[in-house]
Every structure is written in C-alpha cells, then in structure tokens.
Amino acid sequence: MFNFNTIRQLSLLTVLSVSLVACTSSPEEDLERVPDNSPKARYVEAKKALNDEMYNRAIIMLSDLETRYPFGPLSRQIQLDLMFAYYKSGKFAEALPAIDRFLNLNPNHPKLDYVFYMRGLVNMETGVNGFQDFFGVESDDKDMVTSRDAFNDFNKLVDLYPDSKYIPDAKKRMMFLLDKLAHHEIVIAEYYMRRDAYVAALNRCKYVLEYYQQSSSVKNALTIMIEAYDRLGLPEMKADTELALQNN
C-alpha cells in the first residue's frame, strides 16, 4: 500500500517526465503549442525568424498564420512575407503561385510594384542554371521561357510603376536578361549556319534585330546575316547588311 511519500515521489516523476518531453519537441511541435498567442505576437515571432534568415522556420510560421487567420488585418503582409521567404529559400515552385494568387486577389494593393519585382526575381532565378553557366553549357528552351517571363515582369514594373524604388535594379536585370535571350538566338542561328539552313539562321538574326536591339548580340546577328546572304547568292541584301554593320 502506497504511503504519502511514495505518492509525492510519483507525482514529481510525472511532472519531470512531462517537462522532458516538452524540452525534446521539434520546432514544428513548438508552433503547435502557441495557439494562445495573439496573431500579432505570432507574426512578430515569424518576422524575427525571417529577419534572422531562418526562412524554413519562417515559412512554417507564416503558413500557419495564413491558414488560421486568412482575413485578419495582417493577412496581406503575411502573404507578402511568405512569398519572400519562399524566394529566399529557393522554393520557386511555391513562390510563383503565391505571387499570382496575391496579384489576382489584390489588384489595387499599394505594394503591387514589390509583387511584380518579386515575380521577376523568382522567374529569373528559375531560369538561371549555375551548373550550366559555370561549365559554359547553353541554356535550354525551358530556361529561356522563364527568363523571358522575368523580363516581362520587370518590364511591367517599369511601365506601371515608374517611380518605384525597385526600378533601378529591375532595369539592370532587364539588360542582363536581354543579352541572355539575344545570345540564345545567336547560338541557334550559328547552329543553322553549320547545317546550311541559311533562311532559318536569317530569321533568328532578324528576331534579334527586331526585339533585342539594345543587346550586345546585334553585331553578331548582322555578321551572320552577311554570311547567310552571301551563301544564298543575294549580293544586294548582303551589301545593305554590311552597311548596317558599319553604321551600328
């Protein structure tokens, strides 16, 4: 039969066991135990994780807040922070739908310039392949699609929000993307030239002249066109192109 001291000892062991379980819980379990905090307090904690570059933790906390309080006063800011956390953590597949959803549901939000800027960043990073760039391997057509989308995103930002603080950086990125897209067309034109597909090569070069006039590939495009016209036996068009190259 238990005496009073035995009961006290068992109670103490129970308290210690509960405490040890609490100390060994995971961050995700920690998040589940803060429902009594106010949404603002939970957001402050999530924002701290974001500022401390703990992006995965921030994503968990912000996603939880978005689920629990989808119509709260902080809901829009939570969504903006969440798309940024997705971008910084390299989760581009999650970032883009979050951005597009925000654009569709908030067509008059005062921070839409930021959202278009973020969309451009996400698409640009999606189209950048560090392995290919390091070894000089040409990007494939899929990379070009996302790069073209990124250019269009930055272009919308410039057109719709000319006074945005993100404009200077967006314009620099547009020039980089312009050169990348134009260079891709030149690579394809050179491929056609090696296979005597001169008309196809000309079409690629004309595309560069029409859509990427400010790129560094214009000279290469004109040079290829001169050779293509020569191979096709079109001296007048070759002479016009040579003149354009001299004036460029």
Protein backbone atom coordinates (compact mmCIF):
# COMPACT_ATOMS: atom_id res chain seq x y z
CA MET A 1 0.00 0.00 0.00
CA PHE A 2 1.38 3.45 -1.01
CA ASN A 3 2.21 5.93 1.72
CA PHE A 4 2.15 9.70 1.37
CA ASN A 5 5.86 9.99 0.49
CA THR A 6 5.51 7.42 -2.30
CA ILE A 7 2.64 9.36 -3.84
CA ARG A 8 4.68 12.57 -3.69
CA GLN A 9 7.61 10.90 -5.44
CA LEU A 10 5.38 9.52 -8.22
CA SER A 11 3.83 12.95 -8.77
CA LEU A 12 7.27 14.54 -9.00
CA LEU A 13 8.39 11.94 -11.56
CA THR A 14 5.29 12.63 -13.66
CA VAL A 15 5.99 16.39 -13.71
CA LEU A 16 9.65 15.76 -14.66
CA SER A 17 8.61 13.40 -17.47
CA VAL A 18 6.25 15.98 -18.96
CA SER A 19 8.96 18.63 -18.75
CA LEU A 20 11.50 16.39 -20.53
CA VAL A 21 9.04 15.65 -23.35
CA ALA A 22 8.45 19.36 -23.80
CA CYS A 23 12.19 20.06 -23.99
CA THR A 24 12.75 17.48 -26.72
CA SER A 25 9.96 18.62 -29.05
CA SER A 26 10.66 19.77 -32.61
CA PRO A 27 10.20 23.36 -33.88
CA GLU A 28 7.05 22.25 -35.69
CA GLU A 29 5.63 20.92 -32.41
CA ASP A 30 6.62 24.18 -30.72
CA LEU A 31 4.49 26.04 -33.25
CA GLU A 32 1.51 23.87 -32.46
CA ARG A 33 1.74 24.90 -28.79
CA VAL A 34 1.39 28.64 -29.31
CA PRO A 35 -2.26 28.93 -30.36
CA ASP A 36 -2.99 31.04 -27.28
CA ASN A 37 -0.69 33.81 -28.51
CA SER A 38 -2.34 36.66 -30.35
CA PRO A 39 -1.96 36.73 -34.15
CA LYS A 40 0.22 39.83 -33.80
CA ALA A 41 2.55 38.12 -31.32
CA ARG A 42 2.84 35.09 -33.57
CA TYR A 43 3.57 37.35 -36.54
CA VAL A 44 6.31 39.18 -34.62
CA GLU A 45 7.93 35.81 -33.94
CA ALA A 46 7.65 34.82 -37.61
CA LYS A 47 9.08 38.16 -38.69
CA LYS A 48 12.05 37.64 -36.38
CA ALA A 49 12.73 34.27 -37.99
CA LEU A 50 12.55 35.96 -41.39
CA ASN A 51 14.97 38.72 -40.36
CA ASP A 52 17.32 36.12 -38.89
CA GLU A 53 17.32 34.35 -42.30
CA MET A 54 15.66 31.27 -40.82
CA TYR A 55 13.50 31.02 -43.91
CA ASN A 56 12.18 27.49 -43.50
CA ARG A 57 11.04 28.23 -39.96
CA ALA A 58 9.51 31.49 -41.12
CA ILE A 59 7.61 29.63 -43.87
CA ILE A 60 6.13 27.22 -41.31
CA MET A 61 5.03 30.03 -39.02
CA LEU A 62 3.70 32.30 -41.76
CA SER A 63 1.83 29.46 -43.44
CA ASP A 64 0.25 28.60 -40.11
CA LEU A 65 -0.81 32.20 -39.61
CA GLU A 66 -2.24 32.43 -43.12
CA THR A 67 -4.27 29.27 -42.53
CA ARG A 68 -5.56 30.32 -39.10
CA TYR A 69 -6.29 33.98 -39.91
CA PRO A 70 -6.94 34.29 -43.67
CA PHE A 71 -8.95 37.50 -43.29
CA GLY A 72 -7.12 39.17 -40.41
CA PRO A 73 -5.61 42.68 -40.50
CA LEU A 74 -2.14 41.19 -41.05
CA SER A 75 -3.18 38.72 -43.76
CA ARG A 76 -1.83 40.72 -46.73
CA GLN A 77 1.51 41.41 -45.06
CA ILE A 78 1.78 37.75 -44.09
CA GLN A 79 1.29 36.79 -47.74
CA LEU A 80 3.96 39.27 -48.85
CA ASP A 81 6.43 37.92 -46.29
CA LEU A 82 5.60 34.36 -47.24
CA MET A 83 6.40 34.87 -50.92
CA PHE A 84 9.70 36.49 -49.92
CA ALA A 85 10.54 33.54 -47.66
CA TYR A 86 9.75 31.11 -50.48
CA TYR A 87 12.05 33.05 -52.81
CA LYS A 88 14.95 33.26 -50.35
CA SER A 89 14.73 29.57 -49.53
CA GLY A 90 14.80 28.62 -53.22
CA LYS A 91 11.26 27.27 -53.22
CA PHE A 92 10.34 28.88 -56.52
CA ALA A 93 7.58 26.37 -57.29
CA GLU A 94 5.77 27.58 -54.17
CA ALA A 95 6.64 31.25 -54.61
CA LEU A 96 5.12 31.77 -58.05
CA PRO A 97 1.59 30.52 -57.21
CA ALA A 98 1.62 32.61 -54.03
CA ILE A 99 2.58 35.69 -56.04
CA ASP A 100 -0.01 35.10 -58.76
CA ARG A 101 -2.72 34.48 -56.17
CA PHE A 102 -1.87 37.78 -54.48
CA LEU A 103 -1.98 39.65 -57.82
CA ASN A 104 -5.37 38.16 -58.69
CA LEU A 105 -6.96 38.89 -55.31
CA ASN A 106 -5.42 42.32 -54.67
CA PRO A 107 -5.40 44.28 -57.95
CA ASN A 108 -5.23 47.64 -56.13
CA HIS A 109 -2.79 46.85 -53.34
CA PRO A 110 -0.26 49.67 -52.70
CA LYS A 111 2.68 47.23 -52.84
CA LEU A 112 1.99 45.71 -56.22
CA ASP A 113 5.28 47.12 -57.52
CA TYR A 114 7.05 44.92 -54.98
CA VAL A 115 4.99 41.90 -56.03
CA PHE A 116 5.86 42.35 -59.72
CA TYR A 117 9.50 42.79 -58.70
CA MET A 118 9.37 39.56 -56.70
CA ARG A 119 7.77 37.75 -59.63
CA GLY A 120 10.62 38.88 -61.84
CA LEU A 121 13.19 37.70 -59.31
CA VAL A 122 11.56 34.29 -58.97
CA ASN A 123 11.32 33.76 -62.74
CA MET A 124 14.88 34.99 -63.22
CA GLU A 125 16.28 32.62 -60.62
CA THR A 126 14.22 29.77 -62.06
CA GLY A 127 15.87 30.38 -65.44
CA VAL A 128 19.39 30.55 -64.01
CA ASN A 129 21.29 27.28 -64.01
CA GLY A 130 24.53 27.67 -62.09
CA PHE A 131 25.91 24.36 -63.37
CA GLN A 132 25.33 25.35 -66.99
CA ASP A 133 26.77 28.83 -66.52
CA PHE A 134 29.90 27.53 -64.78
CA PHE A 135 30.72 25.00 -67.49
CA GLY A 136 29.63 27.19 -70.39
CA VAL A 137 26.72 24.96 -71.36
CA GLU A 138 23.96 26.73 -73.26
CA SER A 139 20.61 27.09 -71.54
CA ASP A 140 17.72 25.12 -72.96
CA ASP A 141 14.42 26.49 -74.23
CA LYS A 142 12.73 25.93 -70.86
CA ASP A 143 15.24 28.26 -69.18
CA MET A 144 14.57 30.83 -71.89
CA VAL A 145 10.83 30.76 -71.20
CA THR A 146 11.32 31.68 -67.54
CA SER A 147 13.96 34.27 -68.47
CA ARG A 148 11.51 35.81 -70.93
CA ASP A 149 8.81 35.80 -68.25
CA ALA A 150 11.21 37.54 -65.87
CA PHE A 151 11.95 40.23 -68.46
CA ASN A 152 8.23 40.80 -68.97
CA ASP A 153 7.68 41.02 -65.20
CA PHE A 154 10.35 43.69 -64.81
CA ASN A 155 9.02 45.48 -67.89
CA LYS A 156 5.54 45.64 -66.34
CA LEU A 157 7.08 47.09 -63.20
CA VAL A 158 8.85 49.79 -65.21
CA ASP A 159 5.74 50.63 -67.24
CA LEU A 160 3.19 50.60 -64.42
CA TYR A 161 5.26 51.97 -61.53
CA PRO A 162 7.95 54.29 -62.95
CA ASP A 163 8.57 55.85 -59.53
CA SER A 164 9.07 52.57 -57.70
CA LYS A 165 12.25 52.16 -55.68
CA TYR A 166 12.78 48.81 -57.40
CA ILE A 167 13.15 50.35 -60.87
CA PRO A 168 16.97 50.79 -60.89
CA ASP A 169 17.64 47.17 -60.01
CA ALA A 170 14.90 45.94 -62.34
CA LYS A 171 16.45 47.80 -65.29
CA LYS A 172 19.87 46.25 -64.62
CA ARG A 173 18.30 42.82 -64.56
CA MET A 174 16.41 43.54 -67.77
CA MET A 175 19.68 44.33 -69.57
CA PHE A 176 21.20 41.08 -68.31
CA LEU A 177 18.15 39.13 -69.45
CA LEU A 178 18.10 40.92 -72.80
CA ASP A 179 21.69 39.85 -73.51
CA LYS A 180 20.95 36.31 -72.38
CA LEU A 181 17.88 35.96 -74.61
CA ALA A 182 19.63 37.51 -77.62
CA HIS A 183 22.71 35.32 -77.19
CA HIS A 184 20.47 32.26 -77.16
CA GLU A 185 19.08 33.27 -80.57
CA ILE A 186 22.61 33.73 -81.93
CA VAL A 187 23.63 30.26 -80.76
CA ILE A 188 20.66 28.78 -82.62
CA ALA A 189 21.47 30.85 -85.74
CA GLU A 190 25.05 29.55 -85.69
CA TYR A 191 23.68 26.02 -85.40
CA TYR A 192 21.55 26.56 -88.52
CA MET A 193 24.52 28.03 -90.39
CA ARG A 194 26.59 24.91 -89.72
CA ARG A 195 23.80 22.87 -91.27
CA ASP A 196 23.38 25.14 -94.30
CA ALA A 197 19.92 26.22 -93.12
CA TYR A 198 20.57 29.82 -94.10
CA VAL A 199 16.97 31.05 -94.18
CA ALA A 200 16.36 29.72 -90.66
CA ALA A 201 19.56 31.42 -89.48
CA LEU A 202 18.44 34.70 -91.04
CA ASN A 203 15.10 34.51 -89.26
CA ARG A 204 16.81 34.09 -85.89
CA CYS A 205 19.09 37.04 -86.55
CA LYS A 206 16.21 39.24 -87.72
CA TYR A 207 14.43 38.38 -84.48
CA VAL A 208 17.44 39.70 -82.54
CA LEU A 209 17.43 42.93 -84.57
CA GLU A 210 13.70 43.43 -84.04
CA TYR A 211 13.30 42.54 -80.37
CA TYR A 212 16.78 42.80 -78.82
CA GLN A 213 18.17 45.95 -80.43
CA GLN A 214 19.80 47.06 -77.19
CA SER A 215 21.62 43.77 -76.63
CA SER A 216 25.30 43.10 -77.26
CA SER A 217 24.38 40.43 -79.86
CA VAL A 218 23.34 42.84 -82.63
CA LYS A 219 26.81 42.85 -84.19
CA ASN A 220 26.93 39.04 -84.21
CA ALA A 221 23.47 38.91 -85.78
CA LEU A 222 24.49 41.23 -88.62
CA THR A 223 27.71 39.27 -89.21
CA ILE A 224 25.80 36.00 -89.54
CA MET A 225 23.28 37.64 -91.88
CA ILE A 226 26.07 38.85 -94.18
CA GLU A 227 27.43 35.32 -94.47
CA ALA A 228 23.95 33.85 -94.97
CA TYR A 229 23.10 36.29 -97.78
CA ASP A 230 26.43 35.52 -99.40
CA ARG A 231 25.75 31.78 -99.30
CA LEU A 232 22.26 32.35 -100.73
CA GLY A 233 23.62 34.47 -103.58
CA LEU A 234 21.87 37.71 -102.57
CA PRO A 235 24.55 40.40 -103.08
CA GLU A 236 22.26 43.43 -102.67
CA MET A 237 20.91 42.27 -99.33
CA LYS A 238 24.43 41.38 -98.27
CA ALA A 239 25.62 44.90 -99.15
CA ASP A 240 22.75 46.50 -97.20
CA THR A 241 23.57 44.40 -94.17
CA GLU A 242 27.28 45.26 -94.43
CA LEU A 243 26.31 48.92 -94.42
CA ALA A 244 24.12 48.39 -91.37
CA LEU A 245 27.04 46.69 -89.62
CA GLN A 246 29.32 49.64 -90.38
CA ASN A 247 26.77 52.10 -89.02
CA ASN A 248 25.97 50.04 -85.94
